[in-house]
């Protein structure tokens, strides 16, 4: 399922990166955003889904959705926590 674009959402393309780089890049990008802002992360690392879920839970961010952006590429929609 492809997610619709969200006005004001930032996009981070982490395809081609392996653990832990997608999470580290997402963390760096989220720190620069205001609380409640949305970041879409594209990743093709098979471990990314578990890593993103654990990261969001530990950091207080909300994982709004996970979808397939393209074959083998996941899109993680994350809302920055407080």
C-alpha atoms as a PDB file:
ATOM      1  CA  UNK A   1       0.000   0.000   0.000  1.00  0.00           C
ATOM      2  CA  UNK A   2       1.463   3.331  -1.018  1.00  0.00           C
ATOM      3  CA  UNK A   3       0.990   6.224   1.393  1.00  0.00           C
ATOM      4  CA  UNK A   4      -0.252   9.524   0.007  1.00  0.00           C
ATOM      5  CA  UNK A   5       2.145  12.429   0.197  1.00  0.00           C
ATOM      6  CA  UNK A   6       1.605  14.543   3.278  1.00  0.00           C
ATOM      7  CA  UNK A   7       1.992  18.294   2.958  1.00  0.00           C
ATOM      8  CA  UNK A   8       5.024  19.417   4.919  1.00  0.00           C
ATOM      9  CA  UNK A   9       6.402  15.902   5.414  1.00  0.00           C
ATOM     10  CA  UNK A  10      10.157  15.580   5.003  1.00  0.00           C
ATOM     11  CA  UNK A  11      11.562  12.671   3.011  1.00  0.00           C
ATOM     12  CA  UNK A  12      14.722  10.776   3.898  1.00  0.00           C
ATOM     13  CA  UNK A  13      15.957   8.291   1.313  1.00  0.00           C
ATOM     14  CA  UNK A  14      18.013   5.703   3.201  1.00  0.00           C
ATOM     15  CA  UNK A  15      17.938   3.078   0.460  1.00  0.00           C
ATOM     16  CA  UNK A  16      21.246   1.323  -0.001  1.00  0.00           C
ATOM     17  CA  UNK A  17      22.189   1.861   3.657  1.00  0.00           C
ATOM     18  CA  UNK A  18      22.454  -0.980   6.137  1.00  0.00           C
ATOM     19  CA  UNK A  19      21.871  -1.168   9.868  1.00  0.00           C
ATOM     20  CA  UNK A  20      22.322   1.025  11.835  1.00  0.00           C
ATOM     21  CA  UNK A  21      22.573   3.841   9.259  1.00  0.00           C
ATOM     22  CA  UNK A  22      18.850   4.208   8.359  1.00  0.00           C
ATOM     23  CA  UNK A  23      17.990   4.712  12.046  1.00  0.00           C
ATOM     24  CA  UNK A  24      20.942   7.030  12.674  1.00  0.00           C
ATOM     25  CA  UNK A  25      20.030   9.201   9.695  1.00  0.00           C
ATOM     26  CA  UNK A  26      16.368   9.267  10.764  1.00  0.00           C
ATOM     27  CA  UNK A  27      17.364  10.285  14.293  1.00  0.00           C
ATOM     28  CA  UNK A  28      19.540  13.115  12.975  1.00  0.00           C
ATOM     29  CA  UNK A  29      16.758  14.389  10.704  1.00  0.00           C
ATOM     30  CA  UNK A  30      14.070  14.128  13.423  1.00  0.00           C
ATOM     31  CA  UNK A  31      16.130  16.150  15.920  1.00  0.00           C
ATOM     32  CA  UNK A  32      16.010  19.075  13.483  1.00  0.00           C
ATOM     33  CA  UNK A  33      12.195  18.933  13.183  1.00  0.00           C
ATOM     34  CA  UNK A  34       9.560  20.445  15.449  1.00  0.00           C
ATOM     35  CA  UNK A  35       7.545  18.111  17.708  1.00  0.00           C
ATOM     36  CA  UNK A  36       4.698  16.587  15.715  1.00  0.00           C
ATOM     37  CA  UNK A  37       6.440  17.078  12.369  1.00  0.00           C
ATOM     38  CA  UNK A  38       6.344  14.093  10.014  1.00  0.00           C
ATOM     39  CA  UNK A  39       9.299  12.348   8.404  1.00  0.00           C
ATOM     40  CA  UNK A  40       8.979   9.680   5.709  1.00  0.00           C
ATOM     41  CA  UNK A  41      11.952   7.316   5.573  1.00  0.00           C
ATOM     42  CA  UNK A  42      12.618   5.013   2.621  1.00  0.00           C
ATOM     43  CA  UNK A  43      14.776   1.985   3.406  1.00  0.00           C
ATOM     44  CA  UNK A  44      15.572  -1.318   1.744  1.00  0.00           C
ATOM     45  CA  UNK A  45      17.474  -2.915   4.634  1.00  0.00           C
ATOM     46  CA  UNK A  46      15.599  -6.071   5.681  1.00  0.00           C
ATOM     47  CA  UNK A  47      16.210  -5.191   9.356  1.00  0.00           C
ATOM     48  CA  UNK A  48      14.817  -1.659   9.008  1.00  0.00           C
ATOM     49  CA  UNK A  49      11.269  -2.397  10.124  1.00  0.00           C
ATOM     50  CA  UNK A  50      12.278  -3.878  13.471  1.00  0.00           C
ATOM     51  CA  UNK A  51      14.941  -1.220  13.929  1.00  0.00           C
ATOM     52  CA  UNK A  52      12.551   1.672  13.193  1.00  0.00           C
ATOM     53  CA  UNK A  53       9.901   0.272  15.522  1.00  0.00           C
ATOM     54  CA  UNK A  54      12.408  -0.106  18.372  1.00  0.00           C
ATOM     55  CA  UNK A  55      13.909   3.325  17.695  1.00  0.00           C
ATOM     56  CA  UNK A  56      10.530   5.085  17.715  1.00  0.00           C
ATOM     57  CA  UNK A  57       9.455   3.360  20.907  1.00  0.00           C
ATOM     58  CA  UNK A  58      12.736   4.154  22.691  1.00  0.00           C
ATOM     59  CA  UNK A  59      12.910   7.776  21.485  1.00  0.00           C
ATOM     60  CA  UNK A  60       9.245   8.658  22.017  1.00  0.00           C
ATOM     61  CA  UNK A  61       8.398   9.123  18.333  1.00  0.00           C
ATOM     62  CA  UNK A  62       5.206   7.719  16.763  1.00  0.00           C
ATOM     63  CA  UNK A  63       5.517   5.265  13.897  1.00  0.00           C
ATOM     64  CA  UNK A  64       2.383   6.275  12.016  1.00  0.00           C
ATOM     65  CA  UNK A  65       2.586   3.771   9.155  1.00  0.00           C
ATOM     66  CA  UNK A  66       4.750   1.268   7.368  1.00  0.00           C
ATOM     67  CA  UNK A  67       4.107   0.579   3.694  1.00  0.00           C
ATOM     68  CA  UNK A  68       5.827  -0.725   0.593  1.00  0.00           C
ATOM     69  CA  UNK A  69       7.061   2.236  -1.468  1.00  0.00           C
ATOM     70  CA  UNK A  70       8.475  -0.017  -4.211  1.00  0.00           C
ATOM     71  CA  UNK A  71       9.413  -3.686  -4.420  1.00  0.00           C
ATOM     72  CA  UNK A  72      11.892  -4.282  -1.605  1.00  0.00           C
ATOM     73  CA  UNK A  73      11.649  -0.696  -0.318  1.00  0.00           C
ATOM     74  CA  UNK A  74       9.701   0.182   2.824  1.00  0.00           C
ATOM     75  CA  UNK A  75       8.348   3.613   3.709  1.00  0.00           C
ATOM     76  CA  UNK A  76       8.202   4.507   7.392  1.00  0.00           C
ATOM     77  CA  UNK A  77       6.060   7.516   8.328  1.00  0.00           C
ATOM     78  CA  UNK A  78       7.267   8.874  11.673  1.00  0.00           C
ATOM     79  CA  UNK A  79       5.887  11.751  13.739  1.00  0.00           C
ATOM     80  CA  UNK A  80       8.505  13.435  15.920  1.00  0.00           C
ATOM     81  CA  UNK A  81       7.815  13.066  19.625  1.00  0.00           C
ATOM     82  CA  UNK A  82       8.005  15.826  22.210  1.00  0.00           C
END
